[in-house]
Amino acid sequence: MTDPLVSGISCPSGNPMGSLPAGATETCTGSYTITAANITAGQVTNTATATSDETGPVDASDTVSLP
């Protein structure tokens, strides 16, 4: 799992993860400190990517508006 804004992604089984049984899930965590540029832009946009030996890369993106 990679994320351009989060350098230290932590997963219970490690990162990169080992094998998971079919249908299983695992939640990984990380943090990002908002910058002055984010505040000026009024938002943070980010895309994380998960890869697998069984499928191609899967991206998840989100944009969060800042007050």
C-alpha atoms as a PDB file:
ATOM      1  CA  MET A   1       0.000   0.000   0.000  1.00  0.00           C
ATOM      2  CA  THR A   2       1.331   3.418  -0.903  1.00  0.00           C
ATOM      3  CA  ASP A   3       0.159   6.959  -0.324  1.00  0.00           C
ATOM      4  CA  PRO A   4       2.007  10.049  -1.597  1.00  0.00           C
ATOM      5  CA  LEU A   5       1.038  12.121   1.465  1.00  0.00           C
ATOM      6  CA  VAL A   6       1.582   9.496   4.185  1.00  0.00           C
ATOM      7  CA  SER A   7       5.081   8.110   4.582  1.00  0.00           C
ATOM      8  CA  GLY A   8       4.475   5.719   7.491  1.00  0.00           C
ATOM      9  CA  ILE A   9       1.536   3.432   6.753  1.00  0.00           C
ATOM     10  CA  SER A  10       1.069   0.823   9.477  1.00  0.00           C
ATOM     11  CA  CYS A  11      -0.851  -2.427   8.943  1.00  0.00           C
ATOM     12  CA  PRO A  12      -1.463  -5.095  11.627  1.00  0.00           C
ATOM     13  CA  SER A  13       0.248  -7.782   9.505  1.00  0.00           C
ATOM     14  CA  GLY A  14       2.955  -5.440   8.194  1.00  0.00           C
ATOM     15  CA  ASN A  15       3.398  -3.310   5.090  1.00  0.00           C
ATOM     16  CA  PRO A  16       3.714  -4.892   2.655  1.00  0.00           C
ATOM     17  CA  MET A  17       1.076  -7.297   3.907  1.00  0.00           C
ATOM     18  CA  GLY A  18       1.282 -11.045   3.608  1.00  0.00           C
ATOM     19  CA  SER A  19      -1.542 -13.169   2.240  1.00  0.00           C
ATOM     20  CA  LEU A  20      -5.124 -12.597   3.330  1.00  0.00           C
ATOM     21  CA  PRO A  21      -7.853 -15.231   2.981  1.00  0.00           C
ATOM     22  CA  ALA A  22     -10.541 -14.580   0.353  1.00  0.00           C
ATOM     23  CA  GLY A  23     -13.040 -12.009   1.619  1.00  0.00           C
ATOM     24  CA  ALA A  24     -10.805 -10.897   4.493  1.00  0.00           C
ATOM     25  CA  THR A  25     -10.025  -7.247   5.144  1.00  0.00           C
ATOM     26  CA  GLU A  26      -7.318  -5.392   7.001  1.00  0.00           C
ATOM     27  CA  THR A  27      -7.325  -1.761   8.106  1.00  0.00           C
ATOM     28  CA  CYS A  28      -4.080   0.167   7.821  1.00  0.00           C
ATOM     29  CA  THR A  29      -3.433   3.571   9.378  1.00  0.00           C
ATOM     30  CA  GLY A  30      -1.254   6.600   8.803  1.00  0.00           C
ATOM     31  CA  SER A  31      -1.372  10.342   9.390  1.00  0.00           C
ATOM     32  CA  TYR A  32      -0.816  13.544   7.455  1.00  0.00           C
ATOM     33  CA  THR A  33      -0.210  17.035   8.822  1.00  0.00           C
ATOM     34  CA  ILE A  34      -2.116  19.735   6.948  1.00  0.00           C
ATOM     35  CA  THR A  35       0.144  22.417   5.448  1.00  0.00           C
ATOM     36  CA  ALA A  36      -0.294  26.154   4.951  1.00  0.00           C
ATOM     37  CA  ALA A  37      -0.677  25.453   1.216  1.00  0.00           C
ATOM     38  CA  ASN A  38      -3.597  23.105   1.991  1.00  0.00           C
ATOM     39  CA  ILE A  39      -5.267  25.810   4.076  1.00  0.00           C
ATOM     40  CA  THR A  40      -4.755  28.395   1.313  1.00  0.00           C
ATOM     41  CA  ALA A  41      -6.227  25.978  -1.245  1.00  0.00           C
ATOM     42  CA  GLY A  42      -9.114  25.226   1.120  1.00  0.00           C
ATOM     43  CA  GLN A  43      -8.799  21.486   0.588  1.00  0.00           C
ATOM     44  CA  VAL A  44      -6.618  18.384   0.638  1.00  0.00           C
ATOM     45  CA  THR A  45      -6.795  15.890  -2.220  1.00  0.00           C
ATOM     46  CA  ASN A  46      -5.127  12.523  -1.857  1.00  0.00           C
ATOM     47  CA  THR A  47      -4.932   9.166  -3.646  1.00  0.00           C
ATOM     48  CA  ALA A  48      -3.792   5.922  -2.008  1.00  0.00           C
ATOM     49  CA  THR A  49      -2.918   2.829  -4.028  1.00  0.00           C
ATOM     50  CA  ALA A  50      -3.212  -0.831  -3.032  1.00  0.00           C
ATOM     51  CA  THR A  51      -1.611  -3.568  -5.117  1.00  0.00           C
ATOM     52  CA  SER A  52      -1.897  -7.333  -5.133  1.00  0.00           C
ATOM     53  CA  ASP A  53      -0.363 -10.364  -6.796  1.00  0.00           C
ATOM     54  CA  GLU A  54      -3.917 -11.317  -7.819  1.00  0.00           C
ATOM     55  CA  THR A  55      -5.207  -8.011  -9.232  1.00  0.00           C
ATOM     56  CA  GLY A  56      -3.909  -4.792 -10.688  1.00  0.00           C
ATOM     57  CA  PRO A  57      -3.415  -1.648  -8.591  1.00  0.00           C
ATOM     58  CA  VAL A  58      -6.539  -0.124  -7.043  1.00  0.00           C
ATOM     59  CA  ASP A  59      -6.619   3.625  -6.337  1.00  0.00           C
ATOM     60  CA  ALA A  60      -8.847   5.359  -3.813  1.00  0.00           C
ATOM     61  CA  SER A  61      -9.083   9.161  -3.935  1.00  0.00           C
ATOM     62  CA  ASP A  62     -10.789  11.718  -1.778  1.00  0.00           C
ATOM     63  CA  THR A  63     -10.884  15.504  -1.480  1.00  0.00           C
ATOM     64  CA  VAL A  64     -11.581  17.014   1.934  1.00  0.00           C
ATOM     65  CA  SER A  65     -12.660  20.655   2.186  1.00  0.00           C
ATOM     66  CA  LEU A  66     -11.078  22.649   4.976  1.00  0.00           C
ATOM     67  CA  PRO A  67     -13.092  25.181   6.945  1.00  0.00           C
END
